[in-house]
Amino acid sequence: MDWQQMVSLGIVGAAAALLLWGRFRVRKFSLQRDTHCGCSAVGPSTLQSSLVFRARRGERPQITLKMR
């Protein structure tokens, strides 16, 4: 095995490791990424209300807005 094959295998191995790391790492919740909405409220009203997501097997998913 010459140096070019070792370099190319190293590049492929590094790319595979980065792809697997990105696939299995734990990510923080992002309203824009996880709900495909991106329309989070701005200002003090965000502290006064909350969204509740509820889904059970065999039933329709429900999204409830609770005002505090």
PDB file of N, CA and C in Angstrom:
ATOM      1  N   MET A   1       0.859  -1.171   0.000  1.00  0.00           N
ATOM      2  CA  MET A   1       0.000   0.000   0.000  1.00  0.00           C
ATOM      3  C   MET A   1       0.905   1.233   0.000  1.00  0.00           C
ATOM      4  N   ASP A   2       0.737   2.096  -0.987  1.00  0.00           N
ATOM      5  CA  ASP A   2       1.559   3.290  -1.063  1.00  0.00           C
ATOM      6  C   ASP A   2       0.902   4.445  -0.310  1.00  0.00           C
ATOM      7  N   TRP A   3       1.556   5.596  -0.283  1.00  0.00           N
ATOM      8  CA  TRP A   3       1.098   6.722   0.524  1.00  0.00           C
ATOM      9  C   TRP A   3      -0.203   7.317  -0.004  1.00  0.00           C
ATOM     10  N   GLN A   4      -0.468   7.251  -1.307  1.00  0.00           N
ATOM     11  CA  GLN A   4      -1.696   7.814  -1.864  1.00  0.00           C
ATOM     12  C   GLN A   4      -2.923   7.026  -1.409  1.00  0.00           C
ATOM     13  N   GLN A   5      -2.797   5.714  -1.361  1.00  0.00           N
ATOM     14  CA  GLN A   5      -3.908   4.906  -0.876  1.00  0.00           C
ATOM     15  C   GLN A   5      -4.152   5.154   0.610  1.00  0.00           C
ATOM     16  N   MET A   6      -3.102   5.322   1.392  1.00  0.00           N
ATOM     17  CA  MET A   6      -3.265   5.601   2.814  1.00  0.00           C
ATOM     18  C   MET A   6      -3.945   6.941   3.044  1.00  0.00           C
ATOM     19  N   VAL A   7      -3.564   7.952   2.260  1.00  0.00           N
ATOM     20  CA  VAL A   7      -4.180   9.280   2.384  1.00  0.00           C
ATOM     21  C   VAL A   7      -5.648   9.224   1.984  1.00  0.00           C
ATOM     22  N   SER A   8      -5.953   8.538   0.893  1.00  0.00           N
ATOM     23  CA  SER A   8      -7.348   8.470   0.447  1.00  0.00           C
ATOM     24  C   SER A   8      -8.212   7.689   1.447  1.00  0.00           C
ATOM     25  N   LEU A   9      -7.678   6.601   2.012  1.00  0.00           N
ATOM     26  CA  LEU A   9      -8.417   5.864   3.033  1.00  0.00           C
ATOM     27  C   LEU A   9      -8.591   6.690   4.299  1.00  0.00           C
ATOM     28  N   GLY A  10      -7.613   7.497   4.629  1.00  0.00           N
ATOM     29  CA  GLY A  10      -7.734   8.393   5.783  1.00  0.00           C
ATOM     30  C   GLY A  10      -8.824   9.435   5.574  1.00  0.00           C
ATOM     31  N   ILE A  11      -8.917   9.995   4.364  1.00  0.00           N
ATOM     32  CA  ILE A  11      -9.958  10.980   4.047  1.00  0.00           C
ATOM     33  C   ILE A  11     -11.336  10.337   4.105  1.00  0.00           C
ATOM     34  N   VAL A  12     -11.473   9.147   3.544  1.00  0.00           N
ATOM     35  CA  VAL A  12     -12.754   8.445   3.572  1.00  0.00           C
ATOM     36  C   VAL A  12     -13.138   8.090   5.005  1.00  0.00           C
ATOM     37  N   GLY A  13     -12.181   7.646   5.795  1.00  0.00           N
ATOM     38  CA  GLY A  13     -12.447   7.311   7.191  1.00  0.00           C
ATOM     39  C   GLY A  13     -12.866   8.531   7.996  1.00  0.00           C
ATOM     40  N   ALA A  14     -12.198   9.664   7.784  1.00  0.00           N
ATOM     41  CA  ALA A  14     -12.552  10.895   8.493  1.00  0.00           C
ATOM     42  C   ALA A  14     -13.947  11.371   8.096  1.00  0.00           C
ATOM     43  N   ALA A  15     -14.280  11.288   6.813  1.00  0.00           N
ATOM     44  CA  ALA A  15     -15.614  11.701   6.361  1.00  0.00           C
ATOM     45  C   ALA A  15     -16.688  10.800   6.960  1.00  0.00           C
ATOM     46  N   ALA A  16     -16.443   9.494   7.007  1.00  0.00           N
ATOM     47  CA  ALA A  16     -17.412   8.564   7.597  1.00  0.00           C
ATOM     48  C   ALA A  16     -17.587   8.839   9.086  1.00  0.00           C
ATOM     49  N   ALA A  17     -16.497   9.119   9.787  1.00  0.00           N
ATOM     50  CA  ALA A  17     -16.582   9.410  11.220  1.00  0.00           C
ATOM     51  C   ALA A  17     -17.378  10.685  11.471  1.00  0.00           C
ATOM     52  N   LEU A  18     -17.160  11.722  10.664  1.00  0.00           N
ATOM     53  CA  LEU A  18     -17.909  12.978  10.830  1.00  0.00           C
ATOM     54  C   LEU A  18     -19.394  12.786  10.519  1.00  0.00           C
ATOM     55  N   LEU A  19     -19.706  12.013   9.496  1.00  0.00           N
ATOM     56  CA  LEU A  19     -21.109  11.765   9.171  1.00  0.00           C
ATOM     57  C   LEU A  19     -21.805  10.978  10.283  1.00  0.00           C
ATOM     58  N   LEU A  20     -21.144   9.977  10.829  1.00  0.00           N
ATOM     59  CA  LEU A  20     -21.740   9.208  11.921  1.00  0.00           C
ATOM     60  C   LEU A  20     -21.881  10.044  13.185  1.00  0.00           C
ATOM     61  N   TRP A  21     -20.904  10.900  13.478  1.00  0.00           N
ATOM     62  CA  TRP A  21     -20.985  11.750  14.658  1.00  0.00           C
ATOM     63  C   TRP A  21     -22.154  12.728  14.537  1.00  0.00           C
ATOM     64  N   GLY A  22     -22.353  13.310  13.367  1.00  0.00           N
ATOM     65  CA  GLY A  22     -23.468  14.227  13.159  1.00  0.00           C
ATOM     66  C   GLY A  22     -24.813  13.524  13.206  1.00  0.00           C
ATOM     67  N   ARG A  23     -24.844  12.272  12.864  1.00  0.00           N
ATOM     68  CA  ARG A  23     -26.091  11.511  12.855  1.00  0.00           C
ATOM     69  C   ARG A  23     -26.549  11.117  14.254  1.00  0.00           C
ATOM     70  N   PHE A  24     -25.609  10.764  15.125  1.00  0.00           N
ATOM     71  CA  PHE A  24     -25.962  10.205  16.419  1.00  0.00           C
ATOM     72  C   PHE A  24     -25.782  11.151  17.605  1.00  0.00           C
ATOM     73  N   ARG A  25     -25.325  12.380  17.396  1.00  0.00           N
ATOM     74  CA  ARG A  25     -25.159  13.286  18.534  1.00  0.00           C
ATOM     75  C   ARG A  25     -26.514  13.847  18.952  1.00  0.00           C
ATOM     76  N   VAL A  26     -26.634  14.231  20.212  1.00  0.00           N
ATOM     77  CA  VAL A  26     -27.878  14.776  20.752  1.00  0.00           C
ATOM     78  C   VAL A  26     -27.904  16.271  20.467  1.00  0.00           C
ATOM     79  N   ARG A  27     -28.990  16.722  19.863  1.00  0.00           N
ATOM     80  CA  ARG A  27     -29.099  18.131  19.509  1.00  0.00           C
ATOM     81  C   ARG A  27     -30.100  18.832  20.414  1.00  0.00           C
ATOM     82  N   LYS A  28     -29.923  20.136  20.609  1.00  0.00           N
ATOM     83  CA  LYS A  28     -30.867  20.937  21.361  1.00  0.00           C
ATOM     84  C   LYS A  28     -32.115  21.164  20.520  1.00  0.00           C
ATOM     85  N   PHE A  29     -33.259  21.384  21.181  1.00  0.00           N
ATOM     86  CA  PHE A  29     -34.516  21.629  20.475  1.00  0.00           C
ATOM     87  C   PHE A  29     -34.467  22.991  19.809  1.00  0.00           C
ATOM     88  N   SER A  30     -34.839  23.040  18.561  1.00  0.00           N
ATOM     89  CA  SER A  30     -34.931  24.290  17.822  1.00  0.00           C
ATOM     90  C   SER A  30     -36.313  24.368  17.200  1.00  0.00           C
ATOM     91  N   LEU A  31     -37.064  25.413  17.537  1.00  0.00           N
ATOM     92  CA  LEU A  31     -38.426  25.547  17.029  1.00  0.00           C
ATOM     93  C   LEU A  31     -38.429  25.623  15.504  1.00  0.00           C
ATOM     94  N   GLN A  32     -37.484  26.341  14.946  1.00  0.00           N
ATOM     95  CA  GLN A  32     -37.445  26.494  13.497  1.00  0.00           C
ATOM     96  C   GLN A  32     -37.104  25.182  12.800  1.00  0.00           C
ATOM     97  N   ARG A  33     -36.156  24.422  13.326  1.00  0.00           N
ATOM     98  CA  ARG A  33     -35.736  23.183  12.675  1.00  0.00           C
ATOM     99  C   ARG A  33     -36.716  22.036  12.939  1.00  0.00           C
ATOM    100  N   ASP A  34     -37.211  21.916  14.163  1.00  0.00           N
ATOM    101  CA  ASP A  34     -37.998  20.754  14.540  1.00  0.00           C
ATOM    102  C   ASP A  34     -39.480  20.863  14.184  1.00  0.00           C
ATOM    103  N   THR A  35     -40.010  22.077  13.994  1.00  0.00           N
ATOM    104  CA  THR A  35     -41.428  22.218  13.672  1.00  0.00           C
ATOM    105  C   THR A  35     -41.655  22.698  12.246  1.00  0.00           C
ATOM    106  N   HIS A  36     -40.611  23.039  11.542  1.00  0.00           N
ATOM    107  CA  HIS A  36     -40.687  23.528  10.154  1.00  0.00           C
ATOM    108  C   HIS A  36     -41.541  24.788  10.060  1.00  0.00           C
ATOM    109  N   CYS A  37     -41.606  25.541  11.147  1.00  0.00           N
ATOM    110  CA  CYS A  37     -42.412  26.750  11.161  1.00  0.00           C
ATOM    111  C   CYS A  37     -41.513  27.978  11.128  1.00  0.00           C
ATOM    112  N   GLY A  38     -40.694  28.136  12.139  1.00  0.00           N
ATOM    113  CA  GLY A  38     -39.801  29.276  12.199  1.00  0.00           C
ATOM    114  C   GLY A  38     -40.489  30.554  12.601  1.00  0.00           C
ATOM    115  N   CYS A  39     -41.710  30.453  13.109  1.00  0.00           N
ATOM    116  CA  CYS A  39     -42.473  31.651  13.443  1.00  0.00           C
ATOM    117  C   CYS A  39     -42.633  31.778  14.952  1.00  0.00           C
ATOM    118  N   SER A  40     -41.533  31.713  15.686  1.00  0.00           N
ATOM    119  CA  SER A  40     -41.611  31.851  17.130  1.00  0.00           C
ATOM    120  C   SER A  40     -41.926  33.294  17.474  1.00  0.00           C
ATOM    121  N   ALA A  41     -42.682  33.479  18.537  1.00  0.00           N
ATOM    122  CA  ALA A  41     -43.086  34.823  18.956  1.00  0.00           C
ATOM    123  C   ALA A  41     -41.881  35.580  19.497  1.00  0.00           C
ATOM    124  N   VAL A  42     -41.888  36.889  19.311  1.00  0.00           N
ATOM    125  CA  VAL A  42     -40.794  37.723  19.762  1.00  0.00           C
ATOM    126  C   VAL A  42     -41.315  38.658  20.842  1.00  0.00           C
ATOM    127  N   GLY A  43     -40.536  38.856  21.886  1.00  0.00           N
ATOM    128  CA  GLY A  43     -40.907  39.802  22.919  1.00  0.00           C
ATOM    129  C   GLY A  43     -41.364  39.132  24.191  1.00  0.00           C
ATOM    130  N   PRO A  44     -41.985  39.928  25.085  1.00  0.00           N
ATOM    131  CA  PRO A  44     -42.368  39.402  26.393  1.00  0.00           C
ATOM    132  C   PRO A  44     -43.520  38.402  26.351  1.00  0.00           C
ATOM    133  N   SER A  45     -44.253  38.312  25.249  1.00  0.00           N
ATOM    134  CA  SER A  45     -45.375  37.373  25.178  1.00  0.00           C
ATOM    135  C   SER A  45     -44.915  35.926  25.187  1.00  0.00           C
ATOM    136  N   THR A  46     -43.627  35.659  24.876  1.00  0.00           N
ATOM    137  CA  THR A  46     -43.138  34.287  24.880  1.00  0.00           C
ATOM    138  C   THR A  46     -43.084  33.713  26.287  1.00  0.00           C
ATOM    139  N   LEU A  47     -42.975  34.564  27.293  1.00  0.00           N
ATOM    140  CA  LEU A  47     -42.921  34.091  28.671  1.00  0.00           C
ATOM    141  C   LEU A  47     -44.316  33.789  29.217  1.00  0.00           C
ATOM    142  N   GLN A  48     -45.356  34.286  28.560  1.00  0.00           N
ATOM    143  CA  GLN A  48     -46.700  34.165  29.083  1.00  0.00           C
ATOM    144  C   GLN A  48     -47.489  33.015  28.473  1.00  0.00           C
ATOM    145  N   SER A  49     -47.001  32.394  27.456  1.00  0.00           N
ATOM    146  CA  SER A  49     -47.744  31.315  26.822  1.00  0.00           C
ATOM    147  C   SER A  49     -46.810  30.138  26.559  1.00  0.00           C
ATOM    148  N   SER A  50     -47.400  28.973  26.381  1.00  0.00           N
ATOM    149  CA  SER A  50     -46.599  27.795  26.076  1.00  0.00           C
ATOM    150  C   SER A  50     -47.372  26.897  25.127  1.00  0.00           C
ATOM    151  N   LEU A  51     -46.642  26.158  24.317  1.00  0.00           N
ATOM    152  CA  LEU A  51     -47.229  25.203  23.394  1.00  0.00           C
ATOM    153  C   LEU A  51     -47.160  23.810  23.994  1.00  0.00           C
ATOM    154  N   VAL A  52     -48.238  23.042  23.845  1.00  0.00           N
ATOM    155  CA  VAL A  52     -48.275  21.668  24.328  1.00  0.00           C
ATOM    156  C   VAL A  52     -48.560  20.774  23.133  1.00  0.00           C
ATOM    157  N   PHE A  53     -47.644  19.859  22.842  1.00  0.00           N
ATOM    158  CA  PHE A  53     -47.807  18.897  21.755  1.00  0.00           C
ATOM    159  C   PHE A  53     -48.246  17.570  22.362  1.00  0.00           C
ATOM    160  N   ARG A  54     -49.337  16.998  21.854  1.00  0.00           N
ATOM    161  CA  ARG A  54     -49.805  15.713  22.366  1.00  0.00           C
ATOM    162  C   ARG A  54     -50.188  14.836  21.189  1.00  0.00           C
ATOM    163  N   ALA A  55     -49.631  13.640  21.157  1.00  0.00           N
ATOM    164  CA  ALA A  55     -49.958  12.684  20.102  1.00  0.00           C
ATOM    165  C   ALA A  55     -50.008  11.297  20.714  1.00  0.00           C
ATOM    166  N   ARG A  56     -51.082  10.593  20.466  1.00  0.00           N
ATOM    167  CA  ARG A  56     -51.227   9.222  20.939  1.00  0.00           C
ATOM    168  C   ARG A  56     -51.506   8.326  19.756  1.00  0.00           C
ATOM    169  N   ARG A  57     -51.168   7.093  19.904  1.00  0.00           N
ATOM    170  CA  ARG A  57     -51.336   6.132  18.826  1.00  0.00           C
ATOM    171  C   ARG A  57     -52.828   5.988  18.498  1.00  0.00           C
ATOM    172  N   GLY A  58     -53.167   6.113  17.236  1.00  0.00           N
ATOM    173  CA  GLY A  58     -54.537   5.951  16.792  1.00  0.00           C
ATOM    174  C   GLY A  58     -55.362   7.221  16.859  1.00  0.00           C
ATOM    175  N   GLU A  59     -54.811   8.322  17.416  1.00  0.00           N
ATOM    176  CA  GLU A  59     -55.537   9.586  17.509  1.00  0.00           C
ATOM    177  C   GLU A  59     -54.812  10.659  16.707  1.00  0.00           C
ATOM    178  N   ARG A  60     -55.537  11.747  16.458  1.00  0.00           N
ATOM    179  CA  ARG A  60     -54.926  12.866  15.757  1.00  0.00           C
ATOM    180  C   ARG A  60     -53.979  13.613  16.685  1.00  0.00           C
ATOM    181  N   PRO A  61     -52.854  14.086  16.186  1.00  0.00           N
ATOM    182  CA  PRO A  61     -51.962  14.910  17.016  1.00  0.00           C
ATOM    183  C   PRO A  61     -52.648  16.233  17.353  1.00  0.00           C
ATOM    184  N   GLN A  62     -52.409  16.729  18.562  1.00  0.00           N
ATOM    185  CA  GLN A  62     -53.008  17.983  19.001  1.00  0.00           C
ATOM    186  C   GLN A  62     -51.920  18.946  19.431  1.00  0.00           C
ATOM    187  N   ILE A  63     -52.115  20.203  19.087  1.00  0.00           N
ATOM    188  CA  ILE A  63     -51.230  21.283  19.518  1.00  0.00           C
ATOM    189  C   ILE A  63     -52.103  22.261  20.275  1.00  0.00           C
ATOM    190  N   THR A  64     -51.773  22.501  21.542  1.00  0.00           N
ATOM    191  CA  THR A  64     -52.571  23.365  22.391  1.00  0.00           C
ATOM    192  C   THR A  64     -51.708  24.544  22.820  1.00  0.00           C
ATOM    193  N   LEU A  65     -52.271  25.744  22.760  1.00  0.00           N
ATOM    194  CA  LEU A  65     -51.586  26.946  23.213  1.00  0.00           C
ATOM    195  C   LEU A  65     -52.160  27.307  24.571  1.00  0.00           C
ATOM    196  N   LYS A  66     -51.336  27.256  25.621  1.00  0.00           N
ATOM    197  CA  LYS A  66     -51.785  27.574  26.975  1.00  0.00           C
ATOM    198  C   LYS A  66     -51.339  28.997  27.314  1.00  0.00           C
ATOM    199  N   MET A  67     -52.297  29.827  27.646  1.00  0.00           N
ATOM    200  CA  MET A  67     -51.998  31.194  28.047  1.00  0.00           C
ATOM    201  C   MET A  67     -51.873  31.226  29.564  1.00  0.00           C
ATOM    202  N   ARG A  68     -50.845  31.872  30.056  1.00  0.00           N
ATOM    203  CA  ARG A  68     -50.644  31.970  31.510  1.00  0.00           C
ATOM    204  C   ARG A  68     -50.935  33.345  32.003  1.00  0.00           C
TER     205      ARG A  68
END
